[in-house]
Amino acid sequence: MELDTGSGLSLMTIRDFKAIFKKSPSLSTDRSIILNTYTGEKVSPLGYAHVVVTVNGISKTLPLWIVKEGNNPLFGRNWLQHFHLQWHELKNLKVTTPSPRSPEATTTADSIKNGLQKLLQTHKEVFSPGIGKAKSHTATLTLKPDAKPKFCKARPVPYALVNKVGQELDNLEKQGDNVLTRDYRAADRWANGTITARNGPLSYSIQTSPGIVWRRHADQIVHTQPGATDPDHTQPGATDLDLILPISLPKDTTRSQSAEPNPVTAPPPAPTVASTSASPSNLGTQPRRSGRITKPPVKLKL
């Protein structure tokens, strides 16, 4: 049985009851007992039977409630109050940790290391550097008949991940520069291109055909292996939307020049003020006073 302090009664399914007690005693019924499961359902027991319970050599006759369905038999609180269990024996777990230099620990470490190497070798295409490609599966995407494409703004990169994202983008740029980039002339299509320059931390210039370069955010670029093609690929033309910004190819697209900030000119020196001789007119701002002549108030004569 399973000890359950959350169960008010000791329970057992009718199937287990008949399997354990070959000569099943008759069940007594009590319609006033309604059980509640931990998910809130109401359960009406089939009845109860008095059975002999033995714990640590102490035997007592106690009621066992029978239900129609369930899992393991439960040792509930109505039985716990008749027995004094050694709770420290139930709670304590004896765990023996071998010394790092013991033969058992060495054997375990070698076994884990060998298992890891075998796993990495078996799935080397998964753990190899770079981006892999699924070749044996075909993905399908089913859309509703009235589905419309929706442009979503690029997700912001958390500040703590800016450096890691930058490093990954650097690796992306070094891996042959062959990418698939978003083509907004048609609904959710991609075009083959080549990275030609990095315009910012997350912005790239993508050449899709000779003489035409688009600017794309990192979220709008998918790396692909050289020579990969896309069935929805459409060569860009002169009908690009405003989201496609054609720019001329830079003559020199080195990272050092694109990343070098503009030189900052020093501010001009502040003008000097010539000293003047002290005079009553320049001793500072004089307080302004009213020039009105105050007169005594005129009293009302009756």
C-alpha atoms as a PDB file:
ATOM      1  CA  MET A   1       0.000   0.000   0.000  1.00  0.00           C
ATOM      2  CA  GLU A   2       0.979   3.612  -0.475  1.00  0.00           C
ATOM      3  CA  LEU A   3       1.146   5.794   2.634  1.00  0.00           C
ATOM      4  CA  ASP A   4      -0.848   8.958   1.928  1.00  0.00           C
ATOM      5  CA  THR A   5      -1.323  11.491   4.726  1.00  0.00           C
ATOM      6  CA  GLY A   6      -3.591  13.500   2.430  1.00  0.00           C
ATOM      7  CA  SER A   7      -6.183  10.738   2.308  1.00  0.00           C
ATOM      8  CA  GLY A   8      -8.678  10.681   5.144  1.00  0.00           C
ATOM      9  CA  LEU A   9      -9.633   7.038   4.535  1.00  0.00           C
ATOM     10  CA  SER A  10      -7.755   3.910   3.532  1.00  0.00           C
ATOM     11  CA  LEU A  11      -8.880   2.921   0.037  1.00  0.00           C
ATOM     12  CA  MET A  12      -8.580   0.018  -2.376  1.00  0.00           C
ATOM     13  CA  THR A  13     -10.141  -0.746  -5.746  1.00  0.00           C
ATOM     14  CA  ILE A  14     -12.620  -3.570  -6.060  1.00  0.00           C
ATOM     15  CA  ARG A  15     -10.246  -5.355  -8.451  1.00  0.00           C
ATOM     16  CA  ASP A  16      -7.372  -5.380  -5.928  1.00  0.00           C
ATOM     17  CA  PHE A  17      -9.761  -6.288  -3.133  1.00  0.00           C
ATOM     18  CA  LYS A  18     -10.948  -9.420  -4.936  1.00  0.00           C
ATOM     19  CA  ALA A  19      -7.372 -10.340  -5.924  1.00  0.00           C
ATOM     20  CA  ILE A  20      -6.014 -10.106  -2.354  1.00  0.00           C
ATOM     21  CA  PHE A  21      -8.971 -11.521  -0.475  1.00  0.00           C
ATOM     22  CA  LYS A  22      -9.921 -14.770  -2.167  1.00  0.00           C
ATOM     23  CA  LYS A  23     -12.931 -15.090   0.092  1.00  0.00           C
ATOM     24  CA  SER A  24     -14.056 -11.495  -0.173  1.00  0.00           C
ATOM     25  CA  PRO A  25     -15.998 -10.401   2.907  1.00  0.00           C
ATOM     26  CA  SER A  26     -19.296  -8.708   2.395  1.00  0.00           C
ATOM     27  CA  LEU A  27     -19.252  -4.945   2.009  1.00  0.00           C
ATOM     28  CA  SER A  28     -21.128  -2.617   4.309  1.00  0.00           C
ATOM     29  CA  THR A  29     -22.540   0.531   2.779  1.00  0.00           C
ATOM     30  CA  ASP A  30     -22.661   4.062   4.099  1.00  0.00           C
ATOM     31  CA  ARG A  31     -24.324   6.528   1.726  1.00  0.00           C
ATOM     32  CA  SER A  32     -23.213   9.501   3.810  1.00  0.00           C
ATOM     33  CA  ILE A  33     -19.577   9.070   2.769  1.00  0.00           C
ATOM     34  CA  ILE A  34     -18.653  11.040  -0.367  1.00  0.00           C
ATOM     35  CA  LEU A  35     -14.995  11.242  -1.375  1.00  0.00           C
ATOM     36  CA  ASN A  36     -13.355  14.192  -3.116  1.00  0.00           C
ATOM     37  CA  THR A  37     -10.361  13.701  -5.405  1.00  0.00           C
ATOM     38  CA  TYR A  38      -7.472  16.177  -5.569  1.00  0.00           C
ATOM     39  CA  THR A  39      -8.931  17.459  -8.860  1.00  0.00           C
ATOM     40  CA  GLY A  40     -12.335  18.120  -7.286  1.00  0.00           C
ATOM     41  CA  GLU A  41     -14.377  15.172  -8.593  1.00  0.00           C
ATOM     42  CA  LYS A  42     -16.926  13.452  -6.365  1.00  0.00           C
ATOM     43  CA  VAL A  43     -16.498   9.699  -5.784  1.00  0.00           C
ATOM     44  CA  SER A  44     -19.055   7.456  -4.076  1.00  0.00           C
ATOM     45  CA  PRO A  45     -17.415   4.359  -2.529  1.00  0.00           C
ATOM     46  CA  LEU A  46     -18.960   0.943  -3.103  1.00  0.00           C
ATOM     47  CA  GLY A  47     -18.755   0.218   0.616  1.00  0.00           C
ATOM     48  CA  TYR A  48     -16.280  -0.878   3.252  1.00  0.00           C
ATOM     49  CA  ALA A  49     -15.042  -4.083   4.798  1.00  0.00           C
ATOM     50  CA  HIS A  50     -13.332  -4.776   8.121  1.00  0.00           C
ATOM     51  CA  VAL A  51      -9.894  -6.271   7.548  1.00  0.00           C
ATOM     52  CA  VAL A  52      -6.978  -7.203   9.797  1.00  0.00           C
ATOM     53  CA  VAL A  53      -4.076  -4.734   9.485  1.00  0.00           C
ATOM     54  CA  THR A  54      -0.631  -5.624  10.877  1.00  0.00           C
ATOM     55  CA  VAL A  55       2.104  -2.975  11.270  1.00  0.00           C
ATOM     56  CA  ASN A  56       5.369  -3.699  13.130  1.00  0.00           C
ATOM     57  CA  GLY A  57       3.858  -6.757  14.798  1.00  0.00           C
ATOM     58  CA  ILE A  58       0.715  -4.930  15.947  1.00  0.00           C
ATOM     59  CA  SER A  59      -2.571  -6.197  14.444  1.00  0.00           C
ATOM     60  CA  LYS A  60      -5.895  -4.404  14.473  1.00  0.00           C
ATOM     61  CA  THR A  61      -9.206  -4.789  12.679  1.00  0.00           C
ATOM     62  CA  LEU A  62      -9.945  -1.600  10.735  1.00  0.00           C
ATOM     63  CA  PRO A  63     -12.348  -0.501   7.982  1.00  0.00           C
ATOM     64  CA  LEU A  64     -11.086  -0.534   4.374  1.00  0.00           C
ATOM     65  CA  TRP A  65     -13.124   1.468   1.886  1.00  0.00           C
ATOM     66  CA  ILE A  66     -13.621   0.027  -1.589  1.00  0.00           C
ATOM     67  CA  VAL A  67     -13.945   2.159  -4.735  1.00  0.00           C
ATOM     68  CA  LYS A  68     -14.734   1.179  -8.311  1.00  0.00           C
ATOM     69  CA  GLU A  69     -11.617   2.587 -10.012  1.00  0.00           C
ATOM     70  CA  GLY A  70      -8.256   3.918  -8.932  1.00  0.00           C
ATOM     71  CA  ASN A  71      -4.544   3.223  -8.749  1.00  0.00           C
ATOM     72  CA  ASN A  72      -2.501   1.954  -5.804  1.00  0.00           C
ATOM     73  CA  PRO A  73      -4.173   1.130  -2.481  1.00  0.00           C
ATOM     74  CA  LEU A  74      -3.875   3.990   0.017  1.00  0.00           C
ATOM     75  CA  PHE A  75      -2.937   3.791   3.693  1.00  0.00           C
ATOM     76  CA  GLY A  76      -4.972   6.740   4.989  1.00  0.00           C
ATOM     77  CA  ARG A  77      -5.202   8.743   8.205  1.00  0.00           C
ATOM     78  CA  ASN A  78      -7.987   6.600   9.669  1.00  0.00           C
ATOM     79  CA  TRP A  79      -5.409   3.802   9.980  1.00  0.00           C
ATOM     80  CA  LEU A  80      -2.498   6.034  10.954  1.00  0.00           C
ATOM     81  CA  GLN A  81      -4.173   7.071  14.198  1.00  0.00           C
ATOM     82  CA  HIS A  82      -4.078   3.439  15.394  1.00  0.00           C
ATOM     83  CA  PHE A  83      -0.355   2.883  14.752  1.00  0.00           C
ATOM     84  CA  HIS A  84       2.766   4.727  15.862  1.00  0.00           C
ATOM     85  CA  LEU A  85       5.029   4.755  12.833  1.00  0.00           C
ATOM     86  CA  GLN A  86       8.742   5.490  12.994  1.00  0.00           C
ATOM     87  CA  TRP A  87       8.647   8.601  10.818  1.00  0.00           C
ATOM     88  CA  HIS A  88      12.399   9.133  10.893  1.00  0.00           C
ATOM     89  CA  GLU A  89      12.838   5.768   9.196  1.00  0.00           C
ATOM     90  CA  LEU A  90      10.432   6.807   6.454  1.00  0.00           C
ATOM     91  CA  LYS A  91      12.050  10.197   5.864  1.00  0.00           C
ATOM     92  CA  ASN A  92      15.739   9.274   6.053  1.00  0.00           C
ATOM     93  CA  LEU A  93      17.493   8.137   2.888  1.00  0.00           C
ATOM     94  CA  LYS A  94      20.883   6.481   3.134  1.00  0.00           C
ATOM     95  CA  VAL A  95      23.062   7.601   0.230  1.00  0.00           C
ATOM     96  CA  THR A  96      26.656   6.416  -0.071  1.00  0.00           C
ATOM     97  CA  THR A  97      28.914   8.551  -2.269  1.00  0.00           C
ATOM     98  CA  PRO A  98      32.205   6.885  -3.228  1.00  0.00           C
ATOM     99  CA  SER A  99      35.464   8.772  -2.903  1.00  0.00           C
ATOM    100  CA  PRO A 100      36.688  10.432  -6.136  1.00  0.00           C
ATOM    101  CA  ARG A 101      39.800   8.214  -6.022  1.00  0.00           C
ATOM    102  CA  SER A 102      37.972   4.986  -5.286  1.00  0.00           C
ATOM    103  CA  PRO A 103      37.768   2.296  -7.989  1.00  0.00           C
ATOM    104  CA  GLU A 104      33.976   2.646  -8.088  1.00  0.00           C
ATOM    105  CA  ALA A 105      34.159   6.367  -8.844  1.00  0.00           C
ATOM    106  CA  THR A 106      36.851   5.865 -11.504  1.00  0.00           C
ATOM    107  CA  THR A 107      34.819   3.151 -13.189  1.00  0.00           C
ATOM    108  CA  THR A 108      31.696   5.332 -13.147  1.00  0.00           C
ATOM    109  CA  ALA A 109      33.550   8.327 -14.614  1.00  0.00           C
ATOM    110  CA  ASP A 110      35.082   6.207 -17.383  1.00  0.00           C
ATOM    111  CA  SER A 111      31.699   4.685 -18.167  1.00  0.00           C
ATOM    112  CA  ILE A 112      30.076   8.116 -18.435  1.00  0.00           C
ATOM    113  CA  LYS A 113      32.919   9.422 -20.598  1.00  0.00           C
ATOM    114  CA  ASN A 114      32.781   6.450 -22.949  1.00  0.00           C
ATOM    115  CA  GLY A 115      29.018   6.703 -23.191  1.00  0.00           C
ATOM    116  CA  LEU A 116      29.249  10.393 -24.024  1.00  0.00           C
ATOM    117  CA  GLN A 117      31.853   9.813 -26.727  1.00  0.00           C
ATOM    118  CA  LYS A 118      29.716   7.063 -28.227  1.00  0.00           C
ATOM    119  CA  LEU A 119      26.672   9.327 -28.247  1.00  0.00           C
ATOM    120  CA  LEU A 120      28.587  12.184 -29.887  1.00  0.00           C
ATOM    121  CA  GLN A 121      29.997   9.846 -32.517  1.00  0.00           C
ATOM    122  CA  THR A 122      26.620   8.277 -33.282  1.00  0.00           C
ATOM    123  CA  HIS A 123      24.983  11.683 -33.808  1.00  0.00           C
ATOM    124  CA  LYS A 124      28.016  13.625 -35.016  1.00  0.00           C
ATOM    125  CA  GLU A 125      25.964  15.555 -37.592  1.00  0.00           C
ATOM    126  CA  VAL A 126      23.904  17.011 -34.737  1.00  0.00           C
ATOM    127  CA  PHE A 127      26.845  18.072 -32.567  1.00  0.00           C
ATOM    128  CA  SER A 128      29.145  19.235 -35.384  1.00  0.00           C
ATOM    129  CA  PRO A 129      29.756  23.007 -35.750  1.00  0.00           C
ATOM    130  CA  GLY A 130      27.537  24.943 -38.095  1.00  0.00           C
ATOM    131  CA  ILE A 131      23.894  24.612 -39.073  1.00  0.00           C
ATOM    132  CA  GLY A 132      22.645  21.217 -40.167  1.00  0.00           C
ATOM    133  CA  LYS A 133      20.035  20.280 -42.721  1.00  0.00           C
ATOM    134  CA  ALA A 134      17.212  17.742 -42.543  1.00  0.00           C
ATOM    135  CA  LYS A 135      17.352  15.628 -45.704  1.00  0.00           C
ATOM    136  CA  SER A 136      15.090  12.653 -45.004  1.00  0.00           C
ATOM    137  CA  HIS A 137      11.968  14.581 -43.985  1.00  0.00           C
ATOM    138  CA  THR A 138       9.615  16.893 -45.834  1.00  0.00           C
ATOM    139  CA  ALA A 139       7.849  19.602 -43.856  1.00  0.00           C
ATOM    140  CA  THR A 140       4.349  20.711 -44.792  1.00  0.00           C
ATOM    141  CA  LEU A 141       2.463  23.745 -43.545  1.00  0.00           C
ATOM    142  CA  THR A 142      -1.323  23.804 -43.868  1.00  0.00           C
ATOM    143  CA  LEU A 143      -2.952  27.240 -43.872  1.00  0.00           C
ATOM    144  CA  LYS A 144      -6.546  28.339 -43.809  1.00  0.00           C
ATOM    145  CA  PRO A 145      -8.020  29.353 -47.201  1.00  0.00           C
ATOM    146  CA  ASP A 146      -8.408  32.967 -46.064  1.00  0.00           C
ATOM    147  CA  ALA A 147      -4.998  33.204 -44.371  1.00  0.00           C
ATOM    148  CA  LYS A 148      -3.193  36.490 -44.983  1.00  0.00           C
ATOM    149  CA  PRO A 149       0.518  37.161 -44.459  1.00  0.00           C
ATOM    150  CA  LYS A 150       1.355  39.425 -41.566  1.00  0.00           C
ATOM    151  CA  PHE A 151       4.556  41.387 -41.121  1.00  0.00           C
ATOM    152  CA  CYS A 152       5.928  41.184 -37.586  1.00  0.00           C
ATOM    153  CA  LYS A 153       8.516  43.545 -36.263  1.00  0.00           C
ATOM    154  CA  ALA A 154      11.896  42.011 -35.570  1.00  0.00           C
ATOM    155  CA  ARG A 155      12.274  40.786 -32.019  1.00  0.00           C
ATOM    156  CA  PRO A 156      14.575  42.869 -29.807  1.00  0.00           C
ATOM    157  CA  VAL A 157      17.657  41.126 -28.496  1.00  0.00           C
ATOM    158  CA  PRO A 158      18.075  41.174 -24.680  1.00  0.00           C
ATOM    159  CA  TYR A 159      21.026  43.247 -23.580  1.00  0.00           C
ATOM    160  CA  ALA A 160      22.649  40.264 -21.885  1.00  0.00           C
ATOM    161  CA  LEU A 161      22.658  38.348 -25.206  1.00  0.00           C
ATOM    162  CA  VAL A 162      23.840  41.125 -27.514  1.00  0.00           C
ATOM    163  CA  ASN A 163      27.459  39.932 -27.493  1.00  0.00           C
ATOM    164  CA  LYS A 164      26.516  36.292 -28.063  1.00  0.00           C
ATOM    165  CA  VAL A 165      24.150  37.208 -30.883  1.00  0.00           C
ATOM    166  CA  GLY A 166      26.887  39.326 -32.436  1.00  0.00           C
ATOM    167  CA  GLN A 167      29.328  36.418 -32.279  1.00  0.00           C
ATOM    168  CA  GLU A 168      26.793  34.098 -33.877  1.00  0.00           C
ATOM    169  CA  LEU A 169      26.172  36.614 -36.651  1.00  0.00           C
ATOM    170  CA  ASP A 170      29.916  36.864 -37.204  1.00  0.00           C
ATOM    171  CA  ASN A 171      30.029  33.090 -37.582  1.00  0.00           C
ATOM    172  CA  LEU A 172      27.089  33.270 -39.961  1.00  0.00           C
ATOM    173  CA  GLU A 173      28.930  35.779 -42.111  1.00  0.00           C
ATOM    174  CA  LYS A 174      32.048  33.597 -42.213  1.00  0.00           C
ATOM    175  CA  GLN A 175      30.261  30.391 -43.274  1.00  0.00           C
ATOM    176  CA  GLY A 176      30.194  31.071 -47.024  1.00  0.00           C
ATOM    177  CA  ASP A 177      27.735  33.984 -46.857  1.00  0.00           C
ATOM    178  CA  ASN A 178      24.992  31.978 -48.603  1.00  0.00           C
ATOM    179  CA  VAL A 179      21.626  32.816 -47.045  1.00  0.00           C
ATOM    180  CA  LEU A 180      17.902  32.890 -47.684  1.00  0.00           C
ATOM    181  CA  THR A 181      16.420  36.340 -47.119  1.00  0.00           C
ATOM    182  CA  ARG A 182      12.850  37.555 -46.965  1.00  0.00           C
ATOM    183  CA  ASP A 183      11.351  38.716 -50.282  1.00  0.00           C
ATOM    184  CA  TYR A 184       8.419  41.030 -49.543  1.00  0.00           C
ATOM    185  CA  ARG A 185       7.254  41.341 -53.135  1.00  0.00           C
ATOM    186  CA  ALA A 186       5.211  38.141 -52.741  1.00  0.00           C
ATOM    187  CA  ALA A 187       3.437  36.510 -49.821  1.00  0.00           C
ATOM    188  CA  ASP A 188       5.944  34.942 -47.422  1.00  0.00           C
ATOM    189  CA  ARG A 189       8.634  34.087 -49.943  1.00  0.00           C
ATOM    190  CA  TRP A 190      12.372  33.786 -49.648  1.00  0.00           C
ATOM    191  CA  ALA A 191      15.176  34.631 -52.046  1.00  0.00           C
ATOM    192  CA  ASN A 192      18.723  33.322 -52.304  1.00  0.00           C
ATOM    193  CA  GLY A 193      21.389  35.885 -51.552  1.00  0.00           C
ATOM    194  CA  THR A 194      24.909  36.530 -50.383  1.00  0.00           C
ATOM    195  CA  ILE A 195      26.009  38.699 -47.472  1.00  0.00           C
ATOM    196  CA  THR A 196      28.151  41.546 -48.772  1.00  0.00           C
ATOM    197  CA  ALA A 197      28.474  43.849 -45.763  1.00  0.00           C
ATOM    198  CA  ARG A 198      27.433  44.327 -42.185  1.00  0.00           C
ATOM    199  CA  ASN A 199      25.708  47.672 -41.655  1.00  0.00           C
ATOM    200  CA  GLY A 200      25.109  47.393 -37.918  1.00  0.00           C
ATOM    201  CA  PRO A 201      24.994  44.980 -35.010  1.00  0.00           C
ATOM    202  CA  LEU A 202      21.954  43.184 -36.491  1.00  0.00           C
ATOM    203  CA  SER A 203      21.711  44.654 -40.005  1.00  0.00           C
ATOM    204  CA  TYR A 204      23.226  43.161 -43.171  1.00  0.00           C
ATOM    205  CA  SER A 205      23.436  43.951 -46.871  1.00  0.00           C
ATOM    206  CA  ILE A 206      22.282  40.982 -48.964  1.00  0.00           C
ATOM    207  CA  GLN A 207      23.027  40.739 -52.691  1.00  0.00           C
ATOM    208  CA  THR A 208      20.247  38.777 -54.403  1.00  0.00           C
ATOM    209  CA  SER A 209      21.274  39.433 -58.013  1.00  0.00           C
ATOM    210  CA  PRO A 210      24.059  41.386 -59.751  1.00  0.00           C
ATOM    211  CA  GLY A 211      23.735  45.052 -58.882  1.00  0.00           C
ATOM    212  CA  ILE A 212      20.811  44.715 -56.428  1.00  0.00           C
ATOM    213  CA  VAL A 213      21.408  44.669 -52.686  1.00  0.00           C
ATOM    214  CA  TRP A 214      18.788  44.596 -49.942  1.00  0.00           C
ATOM    215  CA  ARG A 215      19.112  45.544 -46.302  1.00  0.00           C
ATOM    216  CA  ARG A 216      17.812  42.928 -43.929  1.00  0.00           C
ATOM    217  CA  HIS A 217      17.624  42.400 -40.172  1.00  0.00           C
ATOM    218  CA  ALA A 218      19.179  39.271 -38.677  1.00  0.00           C
ATOM    219  CA  ASP A 219      15.701  37.804 -38.031  1.00  0.00           C
ATOM    220  CA  GLN A 220      14.981  38.059 -41.775  1.00  0.00           C
ATOM    221  CA  ILE A 221      18.008  35.948 -42.749  1.00  0.00           C
ATOM    222  CA  VAL A 222      18.260  32.141 -42.735  1.00  0.00           C
ATOM    223  CA  HIS A 223      21.611  30.508 -43.317  1.00  0.00           C
ATOM    224  CA  THR A 224      21.790  27.823 -45.977  1.00  0.00           C
ATOM    225  CA  GLN A 225      24.452  25.638 -47.457  1.00  0.00           C
ATOM    226  CA  PRO A 226      26.105  26.726 -50.728  1.00  0.00           C
ATOM    227  CA  GLY A 227      24.005  25.736 -53.730  1.00  0.00           C
ATOM    228  CA  ALA A 228      20.746  25.372 -51.803  1.00  0.00           C
ATOM    229  CA  THR A 229      17.619  26.470 -53.624  1.00  0.00           C
ATOM    230  CA  ASP A 230      14.163  27.451 -52.497  1.00  0.00           C
ATOM    231  CA  PRO A 231      11.001  26.612 -54.498  1.00  0.00           C
ATOM    232  CA  ASP A 232       9.494  30.006 -53.686  1.00  0.00           C
ATOM    233  CA  HIS A 233      12.589  31.873 -54.828  1.00  0.00           C
ATOM    234  CA  THR A 234      11.830  34.833 -57.076  1.00  0.00           C
ATOM    235  CA  GLN A 235      14.506  37.098 -58.409  1.00  0.00           C
ATOM    236  CA  PRO A 236      14.033  40.674 -57.198  1.00  0.00           C
ATOM    237  CA  GLY A 237      13.009  43.305 -59.716  1.00  0.00           C
ATOM    238  CA  ALA A 238      11.930  46.902 -59.858  1.00  0.00           C
ATOM    239  CA  THR A 239       8.597  46.371 -58.054  1.00  0.00           C
ATOM    240  CA  ASP A 240      10.008  46.061 -54.547  1.00  0.00           C
ATOM    241  CA  LEU A 241       7.942  47.331 -51.660  1.00  0.00           C
ATOM    242  CA  ASP A 242       9.106  50.072 -49.364  1.00  0.00           C
ATOM    243  CA  LEU A 243      10.477  47.423 -47.022  1.00  0.00           C
ATOM    244  CA  ILE A 244      13.092  46.537 -49.662  1.00  0.00           C
ATOM    245  CA  LEU A 245      15.757  49.216 -49.749  1.00  0.00           C
ATOM    246  CA  PRO A 246      18.027  48.817 -52.813  1.00  0.00           C
ATOM    247  CA  ILE A 247      21.464  50.311 -52.264  1.00  0.00           C
ATOM    248  CA  SER A 248      24.551  50.475 -54.430  1.00  0.00           C
ATOM    249  CA  LEU A 249      27.274  47.956 -53.840  1.00  0.00           C
ATOM    250  CA  PRO A 250      30.043  49.390 -51.675  1.00  0.00           C
ATOM    251  CA  LYS A 251      33.467  49.500 -53.258  1.00  0.00           C
ATOM    252  CA  ASP A 252      35.142  48.424 -50.045  1.00  0.00           C
ATOM    253  CA  THR A 253      33.054  46.405 -47.599  1.00  0.00           C
ATOM    254  CA  THR A 254      35.707  45.611 -45.017  1.00  0.00           C
ATOM    255  CA  ARG A 255      34.499  45.242 -41.477  1.00  0.00           C
ATOM    256  CA  SER A 256      37.101  47.655 -40.165  1.00  0.00           C
ATOM    257  CA  GLN A 257      35.830  50.554 -42.263  1.00  0.00           C
ATOM    258  CA  SER A 258      32.147  49.856 -41.670  1.00  0.00           C
ATOM    259  CA  ALA A 259      32.678  49.558 -37.941  1.00  0.00           C
ATOM    260  CA  GLU A 260      34.942  52.623 -37.629  1.00  0.00           C
ATOM    261  CA  PRO A 261      33.045  55.566 -36.110  1.00  0.00           C
ATOM    262  CA  ASN A 262      33.158  59.035 -37.623  1.00  0.00           C
ATOM    263  CA  PRO A 263      35.944  61.207 -36.210  1.00  0.00           C
ATOM    264  CA  VAL A 264      34.793  63.630 -33.560  1.00  0.00           C
ATOM    265  CA  THR A 265      36.084  67.185 -33.963  1.00  0.00           C
ATOM    266  CA  ALA A 266      37.164  69.097 -30.902  1.00  0.00           C
ATOM    267  CA  PRO A 267      34.823  71.940 -29.874  1.00  0.00           C
ATOM    268  CA  PRO A 268      36.070  75.487 -30.573  1.00  0.00           C
ATOM    269  CA  PRO A 269      37.628  77.326 -27.639  1.00  0.00           C
ATOM    270  CA  ALA A 270      35.321  79.491 -25.588  1.00  0.00           C
ATOM    271  CA  PRO A 271      35.601  83.244 -26.326  1.00  0.00           C
ATOM    272  CA  THR A 272      37.493  85.294 -23.777  1.00  0.00           C
ATOM    273  CA  VAL A 273      35.984  88.394 -22.206  1.00  0.00           C
ATOM    274  CA  ALA A 274      38.230  91.421 -21.817  1.00  0.00           C
ATOM    275  CA  SER A 275      38.425  92.813 -18.329  1.00  0.00           C
ATOM    276  CA  THR A 276      36.985  96.292 -17.714  1.00  0.00           C
ATOM    277  CA  SER A 277      37.590  98.778 -14.996  1.00  0.00           C
ATOM    278  CA  ALA A 278      35.216  98.838 -12.092  1.00  0.00           C
ATOM    279  CA  SER A 279      32.647 101.595 -12.283  1.00  0.00           C
ATOM    280  CA  PRO A 280      29.261 102.274 -10.750  1.00  0.00           C
ATOM    281  CA  SER A 281      27.616 101.259 -14.039  1.00  0.00           C
ATOM    282  CA  ASN A 282      29.133  97.774 -14.163  1.00  0.00           C
ATOM    283  CA  LEU A 283      29.229  96.731 -10.542  1.00  0.00           C
ATOM    284  CA  GLY A 284      26.400  94.303 -11.156  1.00  0.00           C
ATOM    285  CA  THR A 285      22.734  94.491 -11.795  1.00  0.00           C
ATOM    286  CA  GLN A 286      21.023  97.073  -9.632  1.00  0.00           C
ATOM    287  CA  PRO A 287      17.671  96.118  -8.115  1.00  0.00           C
ATOM    288  CA  ARG A 288      14.733  97.640  -9.900  1.00  0.00           C
ATOM    289  CA  ARG A 289      12.496  99.934  -7.816  1.00  0.00           C
ATOM    290  CA  SER A 290       9.145 101.429  -8.616  1.00  0.00           C
ATOM    291  CA  GLY A 291       9.147 105.137  -9.581  1.00  0.00           C
ATOM    292  CA  ARG A 292       5.641 105.814  -8.325  1.00  0.00           C
ATOM    293  CA  ILE A 293       5.086 108.315  -5.541  1.00  0.00           C
ATOM    294  CA  THR A 294       2.946 106.849  -2.857  1.00  0.00           C
ATOM    295  CA  LYS A 295       0.321 109.129  -1.350  1.00  0.00           C
ATOM    296  CA  PRO A 296      -1.714 108.672   1.805  1.00  0.00           C
ATOM    297  CA  PRO A 297      -5.146 107.197   1.220  1.00  0.00           C
ATOM    298  CA  VAL A 298      -8.011 109.610   0.812  1.00  0.00           C
ATOM    299  CA  LYS A 299     -10.520 109.177   3.591  1.00  0.00           C
ATOM    300  CA  LEU A 300     -14.187 109.342   2.925  1.00  0.00           C
ATOM    301  CA  LYS A 301     -15.651 112.578   4.302  1.00  0.00           C
ATOM    302  CA  LEU A 302     -19.257 112.475   5.438  1.00  0.00           C
END
